[in-house]
Amino acid sequence: GILGETLDGCMAEYSVLSTKALTRIPRGFSYAEAAT
């Protein structure tokens, strides 16, 4: 279940994902930093 490989990934304006496929961005991180 890898995004961008066996599942559609993040190069879209929007995605629908299982709640288990996400985690919170650490406090103080920008979106660009968190994406790395």
Full PDB file with SEQRES, HELIX, SHEET, SSBOND, CRYST1, ORIGX, SCALE, CONECT and MASTER records, all heavy atoms in Angstrom:
SEQRES   1 A   36  GLY ILE LEU GLY GLU THR LEU ASP GLY CYS MET ALA GLU          
SEQRES   2 A   36  TYR SER VAL LEU SER THR LYS ALA LEU THR ARG ILE PRO          
SEQRES   3 A   36  ARG GLY PHE SER TYR ALA GLU ALA ALA THR                      
HELIX    1 AA1 THR A   19  ALA A   21  5                                   3    
HELIX    2 AA2 TYR A   31  ALA A   34  1                                   4    
CRYST1    1.000    1.000    1.000  90.00  90.00  90.00 P 1           1          
ORIGX1      1.000000  0.000000  0.000000        0.00000                         
ORIGX2      0.000000  1.000000  0.000000        0.00000                         
ORIGX3      0.000000  0.000000  1.000000        0.00000                         
SCALE1      1.000000  0.000000  0.000000        0.00000                         
SCALE2      0.000000  1.000000  0.000000        0.00000                         
SCALE3      0.000000  0.000000  1.000000        0.00000                         
ATOM      1  N   GLY A   1       0.797  -1.228   0.000  1.00  0.00           N  
ATOM      2  CA  GLY A   1       0.000   0.000   0.000  1.00  0.00           C  
ATOM      3  C   GLY A   1       0.824   1.269   0.000  1.00  0.00           C  
ATOM      4  O   GLY A   1       0.592   2.159   0.810  1.00  0.00           O  
ATOM      5  N   ILE A   2       1.793   1.389  -0.888  1.00  0.00           N  
ATOM      6  CA  ILE A   2       2.674   2.560  -0.953  1.00  0.00           C  
ATOM      7  C   ILE A   2       2.046   3.626  -1.842  1.00  0.00           C  
ATOM      8  O   ILE A   2       1.743   3.375  -3.010  1.00  0.00           O  
ATOM      9  CB  ILE A   2       4.056   2.164  -1.497  1.00  0.00           C  
ATOM     10  CG1 ILE A   2       4.697   1.110  -0.595  1.00  0.00           C  
ATOM     11  CG2 ILE A   2       4.947   3.389  -1.628  1.00  0.00           C  
ATOM     12  CD1 ILE A   2       5.946   0.504  -1.180  1.00  0.00           C  
ATOM     13  N   LEU A   3       1.882   4.830  -1.294  1.00  0.00           N  
ATOM     14  CA  LEU A   3       1.369   5.939  -2.097  1.00  0.00           C  
ATOM     15  C   LEU A   3       2.319   6.199  -3.260  1.00  0.00           C  
ATOM     16  O   LEU A   3       3.535   6.166  -3.109  1.00  0.00           O  
ATOM     17  CB  LEU A   3       1.238   7.202  -1.259  1.00  0.00           C  
ATOM     18  CG  LEU A   3       0.186   7.198  -0.158  1.00  0.00           C  
ATOM     19  CD1 LEU A   3       0.181   8.536   0.573  1.00  0.00           C  
ATOM     20  CD2 LEU A   3      -1.186   6.899  -0.711  1.00  0.00           C  
ATOM     21  N   GLY A   4       1.745   6.470  -4.431  1.00  0.00           N  
ATOM     22  CA  GLY A   4       2.542   6.763  -5.612  1.00  0.00           C  
ATOM     23  C   GLY A   4       3.066   5.539  -6.321  1.00  0.00           C  
ATOM     24  O   GLY A   4       3.713   5.650  -7.354  1.00  0.00           O  
ATOM     25  N   GLU A   5       2.803   4.360  -5.767  1.00  0.00           N  
ATOM     26  CA  GLU A   5       3.266   3.119  -6.395  1.00  0.00           C  
ATOM     27  C   GLU A   5       2.101   2.141  -6.519  1.00  0.00           C  
ATOM     28  O   GLU A   5       1.567   1.936  -7.600  1.00  0.00           O  
ATOM     29  CB  GLU A   5       4.405   2.493  -5.590  1.00  0.00           C  
ATOM     30  CG  GLU A   5       4.968   1.244  -6.224  1.00  0.00           C  
ATOM     31  CD  GLU A   5       6.059   0.603  -5.395  1.00  0.00           C  
ATOM     32  OE1 GLU A   5       6.829   1.306  -4.714  1.00  0.00           O  
ATOM     33  OE2 GLU A   5       6.140  -0.636  -5.430  1.00  0.00           O  
ATOM     34  N   THR A   6       1.696   1.533  -5.428  1.00  0.00           N  
ATOM     35  CA  THR A   6       0.564   0.603  -5.478  1.00  0.00           C  
ATOM     36  C   THR A   6      -0.762   1.316  -5.241  1.00  0.00           C  
ATOM     37  O   THR A   6      -1.820   0.745  -5.486  1.00  0.00           O  
ATOM     38  CB  THR A   6       0.735  -0.537  -4.457  1.00  0.00           C  
ATOM     39  OG1 THR A   6       0.882   0.036  -3.144  1.00  0.00           O  
ATOM     40  CG2 THR A   6       1.950  -1.385  -4.787  1.00  0.00           C  
ATOM     41  N   LEU A   7      -0.698   2.543  -4.762  1.00  0.00           N  
ATOM     42  CA  LEU A   7      -1.872   3.414  -4.571  1.00  0.00           C  
ATOM     43  C   LEU A   7      -1.555   4.769  -5.194  1.00  0.00           C  
ATOM     44  O   LEU A   7      -0.386   5.150  -5.296  1.00  0.00           O  
ATOM     45  CB  LEU A   7      -2.164   3.626  -3.080  1.00  0.00           C  
ATOM     46  CG  LEU A   7      -2.408   2.393  -2.226  1.00  0.00           C  
ATOM     47  CD1 LEU A   7      -2.403   2.774  -0.750  1.00  0.00           C  
ATOM     48  CD2 LEU A   7      -3.726   1.751  -2.609  1.00  0.00           C  
ATOM     49  N   ASP A   8      -2.588   5.517  -5.590  1.00  0.00           N  
ATOM     50  CA  ASP A   8      -2.343   6.874  -6.089  1.00  0.00           C  
ATOM     51  C   ASP A   8      -1.684   7.718  -5.012  1.00  0.00           C  
ATOM     52  O   ASP A   8      -2.005   7.606  -3.819  1.00  0.00           O  
ATOM     53  CB  ASP A   8      -3.648   7.518  -6.560  1.00  0.00           C  
ATOM     54  CG  ASP A   8      -4.053   7.043  -7.941  1.00  0.00           C  
ATOM     55  OD1 ASP A   8      -3.182   6.596  -8.710  1.00  0.00           O  
ATOM     56  OD2 ASP A   8      -5.259   7.121  -8.260  1.00  0.00           O  
ATOM     57  N   GLY A   9      -0.755   8.574  -5.432  1.00  0.00           N  
ATOM     58  CA  GLY A   9       0.049   9.362  -4.514  1.00  0.00           C  
ATOM     59  C   GLY A   9      -0.408  10.795  -4.330  1.00  0.00           C  
ATOM     60  O   GLY A   9      -1.561  11.146  -4.583  1.00  0.00           O  
ATOM     61  N   CYS A  10       0.528  11.626  -3.940  1.00  0.00           N  
ATOM     62  CA  CYS A  10       0.257  12.989  -3.458  1.00  0.00           C  
ATOM     63  C   CYS A  10       0.375  14.075  -4.523  1.00  0.00           C  
ATOM     64  O   CYS A  10       0.217  15.248  -4.201  1.00  0.00           O  
ATOM     65  CB  CYS A  10       1.220  13.312  -2.321  1.00  0.00           C  
ATOM     66  SG  CYS A  10       1.122  12.164  -0.944  1.00  0.00           S  
ATOM     67  N   MET A  11       0.663  13.732  -5.780  1.00  0.00           N  
ATOM     68  CA  MET A  11       0.782  14.749  -6.814  1.00  0.00           C  
ATOM     69  C   MET A  11      -0.590  15.029  -7.409  1.00  0.00           C  
ATOM     70  O   MET A  11      -0.858  14.862  -8.599  1.00  0.00           O  
ATOM     71  CB  MET A  11       1.783  14.319  -7.891  1.00  0.00           C  
ATOM     72  CG  MET A  11       2.146  15.440  -8.859  1.00  0.00           C  
ATOM     73  SD  MET A  11       2.704  16.953  -8.073  1.00  0.00           S  
ATOM     74  CE  MET A  11       4.421  16.628  -7.865  1.00  0.00           C  
ATOM     75  N   ALA A  12      -1.476  15.457  -6.523  1.00  0.00           N  
ATOM     76  CA  ALA A  12      -2.858  15.788  -6.871  1.00  0.00           C  
ATOM     77  C   ALA A  12      -3.280  16.935  -5.968  1.00  0.00           C  
ATOM     78  O   ALA A  12      -2.686  17.141  -4.902  1.00  0.00           O  
ATOM     79  CB  ALA A  12      -3.768  14.576  -6.646  1.00  0.00           C  
ATOM     80  N   GLU A  13      -4.289  17.656  -6.396  1.00  0.00           N  
ATOM     81  CA  GLU A  13      -4.779  18.707  -5.517  1.00  0.00           C  
ATOM     82  C   GLU A  13      -5.401  18.118  -4.252  1.00  0.00           C  
ATOM     83  O   GLU A  13      -5.244  18.660  -3.167  1.00  0.00           O  
ATOM     84  CB  GLU A  13      -5.788  19.586  -6.256  1.00  0.00           C  
ATOM     85  CG  GLU A  13      -5.139  20.435  -7.345  1.00  0.00           C  
ATOM     86  CD  GLU A  13      -6.133  21.320  -8.050  1.00  0.00           C  
ATOM     87  OE1 GLU A  13      -6.829  20.831  -8.958  1.00  0.00           O  
ATOM     88  OE2 GLU A  13      -6.218  22.516  -7.654  1.00  0.00           O  
ATOM     89  N   TYR A  14      -6.099  16.982  -4.421  1.00  0.00           N  
ATOM     90  CA  TYR A  14      -6.778  16.317  -3.300  1.00  0.00           C  
ATOM     91  C   TYR A  14      -6.608  14.813  -3.419  1.00  0.00           C  
ATOM     92  O   TYR A  14      -6.506  14.277  -4.520  1.00  0.00           O  
ATOM     93  CB  TYR A  14      -8.280  16.627  -3.305  1.00  0.00           C  
ATOM     94  CG  TYR A  14      -8.622  18.072  -3.145  1.00  0.00           C  
ATOM     95  CD1 TYR A  14      -8.743  18.910  -4.256  1.00  0.00           C  
ATOM     96  CD2 TYR A  14      -8.823  18.623  -1.884  1.00  0.00           C  
ATOM     97  CE1 TYR A  14      -9.057  20.247  -4.115  1.00  0.00           C  
ATOM     98  CE2 TYR A  14      -9.148  19.966  -1.731  1.00  0.00           C  
ATOM     99  CZ  TYR A  14      -9.256  20.767  -2.853  1.00  0.00           C  
ATOM    100  OH  TYR A  14      -9.564  22.086  -2.703  1.00  0.00           O  
ATOM    101  N   SER A  15      -6.614  14.137  -2.281  1.00  0.00           N  
ATOM    102  CA  SER A  15      -6.629  12.676  -2.237  1.00  0.00           C  
ATOM    103  C   SER A  15      -7.573  12.232  -1.134  1.00  0.00           C  
ATOM    104  O   SER A  15      -7.751  12.937  -0.140  1.00  0.00           O  
ATOM    105  CB  SER A  15      -5.247  12.103  -1.911  1.00  0.00           C  
ATOM    106  OG  SER A  15      -4.320  12.354  -2.919  1.00  0.00           O  
ATOM    107  N   VAL A  16      -8.133  11.055  -1.298  1.00  0.00           N  
ATOM    108  CA  VAL A  16      -8.887  10.412  -0.231  1.00  0.00           C  
ATOM    109  C   VAL A  16      -8.043   9.258   0.274  1.00  0.00           C  
ATOM    110  O   VAL A  16      -7.580   8.426  -0.512  1.00  0.00           O  
ATOM    111  CB  VAL A  16     -10.266   9.919  -0.718  1.00  0.00           C  
ATOM    112  CG1 VAL A  16     -10.899   8.983   0.286  1.00  0.00           C  
ATOM    113  CG2 VAL A  16     -11.178  11.109  -0.977  1.00  0.00           C  
ATOM    114  N   LEU A  17      -7.810   9.244   1.583  1.00  0.00           N  
ATOM    115  CA  LEU A  17      -6.957   8.230   2.201  1.00  0.00           C  
ATOM    116  C   LEU A  17      -7.615   7.676   3.446  1.00  0.00           C  
ATOM    117  O   LEU A  17      -8.406   8.360   4.102  1.00  0.00           O  
ATOM    118  CB  LEU A  17      -5.615   8.851   2.610  1.00  0.00           C  
ATOM    119  CG  LEU A  17      -4.755   9.435   1.511  1.00  0.00           C  
ATOM    120  CD1 LEU A  17      -3.630  10.259   2.107  1.00  0.00           C  
ATOM    121  CD2 LEU A  17      -4.198   8.332   0.657  1.00  0.00           C  
ATOM    122  N   SER A  18      -7.226   6.464   3.787  1.00  0.00           N  
ATOM    123  CA  SER A  18      -7.611   5.892   5.072  1.00  0.00           C  
ATOM    124  C   SER A  18      -7.041   6.769   6.186  1.00  0.00           C  
ATOM    125  O   SER A  18      -5.936   7.323   6.043  1.00  0.00           O  
ATOM    126  CB  SER A  18      -7.053   4.478   5.193  1.00  0.00           C  
ATOM    127  OG  SER A  18      -7.087   4.042   6.530  1.00  0.00           O  
ATOM    128  N   THR A  19      -7.743   6.857   7.279  1.00  0.00           N  
ATOM    129  CA  THR A  19      -7.226   7.636   8.415  1.00  0.00           C  
ATOM    130  C   THR A  19      -5.904   7.065   8.921  1.00  0.00           C  
ATOM    131  O   THR A  19      -5.107   7.781   9.515  1.00  0.00           O  
ATOM    132  CB  THR A  19      -8.242   7.661   9.559  1.00  0.00           C  
ATOM    133  OG1 THR A  19      -8.522   6.316   9.972  1.00  0.00           O  
ATOM    134  CG2 THR A  19      -9.534   8.353   9.146  1.00  0.00           C  
ATOM    135  N   LYS A  20      -5.652   5.790   8.650  1.00  0.00           N  
ATOM    136  CA  LYS A  20      -4.418   5.147   9.109  1.00  0.00           C  
ATOM    137  C   LYS A  20      -3.226   5.479   8.225  1.00  0.00           C  
ATOM    138  O   LYS A  20      -2.090   5.144   8.566  1.00  0.00           O  
ATOM    139  CB  LYS A  20      -4.617   3.630   9.166  1.00  0.00           C  
ATOM    140  CG  LYS A  20      -5.656   3.235  10.181  1.00  0.00           C  
ATOM    141  CD  LYS A  20      -5.940   1.760  10.131  1.00  0.00           C  
ATOM    142  CE  LYS A  20      -7.041   1.456  11.136  1.00  0.00           C  
ATOM    143  NZ  LYS A  20      -7.811   0.301  10.820  1.00  0.00           N  
ATOM    144  N   ALA A  21      -3.449   6.114   7.090  1.00  0.00           N  
ATOM    145  CA  ALA A  21      -2.375   6.448   6.152  1.00  0.00           C  
ATOM    146  C   ALA A  21      -1.784   7.833   6.410  1.00  0.00           C  
ATOM    147  O   ALA A  21      -0.984   8.319   5.620  1.00  0.00           O  
ATOM    148  CB  ALA A  21      -2.892   6.363   4.720  1.00  0.00           C  
ATOM    149  N   LEU A  22      -2.192   8.460   7.507  1.00  0.00           N  
ATOM    150  CA  LEU A  22      -1.771   9.827   7.812  1.00  0.00           C  
ATOM    151  C   LEU A  22      -1.274   9.932   9.249  1.00  0.00           C  
ATOM    152  O   LEU A  22      -1.674   9.154  10.111  1.00  0.00           O  
ATOM    153  CB  LEU A  22      -2.950  10.793   7.645  1.00  0.00           C  
ATOM    154  CG  LEU A  22      -3.590  10.848   6.270  1.00  0.00           C  
ATOM    155  CD1 LEU A  22      -4.923  11.570   6.346  1.00  0.00           C  
ATOM    156  CD2 LEU A  22      -2.650  11.527   5.286  1.00  0.00           C  
ATOM    157  N   THR A  23      -0.450  10.926   9.471  1.00  0.00           N  
ATOM    158  CA  THR A  23      -0.043  11.278  10.825  1.00  0.00           C  
ATOM    159  C   THR A  23       0.023  12.800  10.910  1.00  0.00           C  
ATOM    160  O   THR A  23       0.058  13.484   9.883  1.00  0.00           O  
ATOM    161  CB  THR A  23       1.310  10.623  11.197  1.00  0.00           C  
ATOM    162  OG1 THR A  23       1.528  10.756  12.600  1.00  0.00           O  
ATOM    163  CG2 THR A  23       2.463  11.214  10.407  1.00  0.00           C  
ATOM    164  N   ARG A  24       0.017  13.316  12.124  1.00  0.00           N  
ATOM    165  CA  ARG A  24       0.033  14.773  12.306  1.00  0.00           C  
ATOM    166  C   ARG A  24       1.399  15.350  11.942  1.00  0.00           C  
ATOM    167  O   ARG A  24       2.437  14.734  12.177  1.00  0.00           O  
ATOM    168  CB  ARG A  24      -0.293  15.128  13.750  1.00  0.00           C  
ATOM    169  CG  ARG A  24      -1.696  14.761  14.130  1.00  0.00           C  
ATOM    170  CD  ARG A  24      -2.090  15.264  15.505  1.00  0.00           C  
ATOM    171  NE  ARG A  24      -3.340  14.639  15.906  1.00  0.00           N  
ATOM    172  CZ  ARG A  24      -4.541  14.936  15.431  1.00  0.00           C  
ATOM    173  NH1 ARG A  24      -4.654  15.882  14.531  1.00  0.00           N  
ATOM    174  NH2 ARG A  24      -5.617  14.304  15.846  1.00  0.00           N  
ATOM    175  N   ILE A  25       1.371  16.547  11.393  1.00  0.00           N  
ATOM    176  CA  ILE A  25       2.606  17.277  11.124  1.00  0.00           C  
ATOM    177  C   ILE A  25       3.180  17.723  12.466  1.00  0.00           C  
ATOM    178  O   ILE A  25       2.452  18.228  13.314  1.00  0.00           O  
ATOM    179  CB  ILE A  25       2.325  18.497  10.210  1.00  0.00           C  
ATOM    180  CG1 ILE A  25       1.946  18.010   8.804  1.00  0.00           C  
ATOM    181  CG2 ILE A  25       3.520  19.436  10.165  1.00  0.00           C  
ATOM    182  CD1 ILE A  25       1.569  19.128   7.854  1.00  0.00           C  
ATOM    183  N   PRO A  26       4.487  17.526  12.679  1.00  0.00           N  
ATOM    184  CA  PRO A  26       5.083  17.985  13.940  1.00  0.00           C  
ATOM    185  C   PRO A  26       4.887  19.494  14.133  1.00  0.00           C  
ATOM    186  O   PRO A  26       4.954  20.269  13.173  1.00  0.00           O  
ATOM    187  CB  PRO A  26       6.569  17.658  13.777  1.00  0.00           C  
ATOM    188  CG  PRO A  26       6.623  16.583  12.746  1.00  0.00           C  
ATOM    189  CD  PRO A  26       5.461  16.858  11.819  1.00  0.00           C  
ATOM    190  N   ARG A  27       4.629  19.886  15.363  1.00  0.00           N  
ATOM    191  CA  ARG A  27       4.412  21.298  15.700  1.00  0.00           C  
ATOM    192  C   ARG A  27       5.604  22.133  15.232  1.00  0.00           C  
ATOM    193  O   ARG A  27       6.756  21.760  15.437  1.00  0.00           O  
ATOM    194  CB  ARG A  27       4.229  21.442  17.211  1.00  0.00           C  
ATOM    195  CG  ARG A  27       3.891  22.874  17.618  1.00  0.00           C  
ATOM    196  CD  ARG A  27       3.512  22.967  19.068  1.00  0.00           C  
ATOM    197  NE  ARG A  27       2.188  22.345  19.181  1.00  0.00           N  
ATOM    198  CZ  ARG A  27       1.811  21.601  20.202  1.00  0.00           C  
ATOM    199  NH1 ARG A  27       2.629  21.354  21.194  1.00  0.00           N  
ATOM    200  NH2 ARG A  27       0.602  21.084  20.241  1.00  0.00           N  
ATOM    201  N   GLY A  28       5.319  23.239  14.564  1.00  0.00           N  
ATOM    202  CA  GLY A  28       6.353  24.159  14.109  1.00  0.00           C  
ATOM    203  C   GLY A  28       6.891  23.877  12.710  1.00  0.00           C  
ATOM    204  O   GLY A  28       7.675  24.660  12.193  1.00  0.00           O  
ATOM    205  N   PHE A  29       6.470  22.765  12.100  1.00  0.00           N  
ATOM    206  CA  PHE A  29       6.937  22.431  10.756  1.00  0.00           C  
ATOM    207  C   PHE A  29       6.015  23.047   9.709  1.00  0.00           C  
ATOM    208  O   PHE A  29       4.794  23.033   9.865  1.00  0.00           O  
ATOM    209  CB  PHE A  29       6.955  20.915  10.544  1.00  0.00           C  
ATOM    210  CG  PHE A  29       8.179  20.225  11.071  1.00  0.00           C  
ATOM    211  CD1 PHE A  29       8.506  20.273  12.412  1.00  0.00           C  
ATOM    212  CD2 PHE A  29       9.003  19.516  10.210  1.00  0.00           C  
ATOM    213  CE1 PHE A  29       9.620  19.625  12.900  1.00  0.00           C  
ATOM    214  CE2 PHE A  29      10.128  18.859  10.695  1.00  0.00           C  
ATOM    215  CZ  PHE A  29      10.442  18.919  12.049  1.00  0.00           C  
ATOM    216  N   SER A  30       6.592  23.560   8.628  1.00  0.00           N  
ATOM    217  CA  SER A  30       5.801  24.037   7.493  1.00  0.00           C  
ATOM    218  C   SER A  30       5.348  22.815   6.697  1.00  0.00           C  
ATOM    219  O   SER A  30       5.845  21.703   6.890  1.00  0.00           O  
ATOM    220  CB  SER A  30       6.644  24.950   6.602  1.00  0.00           C  
ATOM    221  OG  SER A  30       7.651  24.182   5.949  1.00  0.00           O  
ATOM    222  N   TYR A  31       4.427  23.023   5.762  1.00  0.00           N  
ATOM    223  CA  TYR A  31       4.014  21.925   4.888  1.00  0.00           C  
ATOM    224  C   TYR A  31       5.214  21.397   4.093  1.00  0.00           C  
ATOM    225  O   TYR A  31       5.379  20.193   3.938  1.00  0.00           O  
ATOM    226  CB  TYR A  31       2.915  22.367   3.924  1.00  0.00           C  
ATOM    227  CG  TYR A  31       1.574  22.585   4.584  1.00  0.00           C  
ATOM    228  CD1 TYR A  31       0.986  23.841   4.610  1.00  0.00           C  
ATOM    229  CD2 TYR A  31       0.882  21.533   5.171  1.00  0.00           C  
ATOM    230  CE1 TYR A  31      -0.259  24.037   5.199  1.00  0.00           C  
ATOM    231  CE2 TYR A  31      -0.359  21.715   5.765  1.00  0.00           C  
ATOM    232  CZ  TYR A  31      -0.919  22.977   5.784  1.00  0.00           C  
ATOM    233  OH  TYR A  31      -2.140  23.159   6.373  1.00  0.00           O  
ATOM    234  N   ALA A  32       6.042  22.302   3.584  1.00  0.00           N  
ATOM    235  CA  ALA A  32       7.209  21.884   2.792  1.00  0.00           C  
ATOM    236  C   ALA A  32       8.167  21.051   3.641  1.00  0.00           C  
ATOM    237  O   ALA A  32       8.696  20.036   3.176  1.00  0.00           O  
ATOM    238  CB  ALA A  32       7.918  23.099   2.209  1.00  0.00           C  
ATOM    239  N   GLU A  33       8.405  21.462   4.871  1.00  0.00           N  
ATOM    240  CA  GLU A  33       9.294  20.693   5.741  1.00  0.00           C  
ATOM    241  C   GLU A  33       8.694  19.326   6.069  1.00  0.00           C  
ATOM    242  O   GLU A  33       9.385  18.306   6.019  1.00  0.00           O  
ATOM    243  CB  GLU A  33       9.566  21.473   7.026  1.00  0.00           C  
ATOM    244  CG  GLU A  33      10.394  22.723   6.805  1.00  0.00           C  
ATOM    245  CD  GLU A  33      10.391  23.668   7.991  1.00  0.00           C  
ATOM    246  OE1 GLU A  33       9.421  23.663   8.789  1.00  0.00           O  
ATOM    247  OE2 GLU A  33      11.370  24.432   8.125  1.00  0.00           O  
ATOM    248  N   ALA A  34       7.419  19.303   6.398  1.00  0.00           N  
ATOM    249  CA  ALA A  34       6.762  18.042   6.771  1.00  0.00           C  
ATOM    250  C   ALA A  34       6.728  17.056   5.607  1.00  0.00           C  
ATOM    251  O   ALA A  34       6.818  15.846   5.814  1.00  0.00           O  
ATOM    252  CB  ALA A  34       5.353  18.318   7.278  1.00  0.00           C  
ATOM    253  N   ALA A  35       6.630  17.562   4.384  1.00  0.00           N  
ATOM    254  CA  ALA A  35       6.567  16.679   3.213  1.00  0.00           C  
ATOM    255  C   ALA A  35       7.868  15.917   2.987  1.00  0.00           C  
ATOM    256  O   ALA A  35       7.882  14.930   2.269  1.00  0.00           O  
ATOM    257  CB  ALA A  35       6.210  17.486   1.961  1.00  0.00           C  
ATOM    258  N   THR A  36       8.956  16.341   3.611  1.00  0.00           N  
ATOM    259  CA  THR A  36      10.231  15.634   3.453  1.00  0.00           C  
ATOM    260  C   THR A  36      10.407  14.507   4.464  1.00  0.00           C  
ATOM    261  O   THR A  36      11.366  13.739   4.366  1.00  0.00           O  
ATOM    262  CB  THR A  36      11.427  16.592   3.607  1.00  0.00           C  
ATOM    263  OG1 THR A  36      11.505  17.040   4.969  1.00  0.00           O  
ATOM    264  CG2 THR A  36      11.319  17.779   2.665  1.00  0.00           C  
TER     265      THR A  36                                                      
MASTER        0    0    0    2    0    0    0    6  264    1    0    3          
END                                                                             
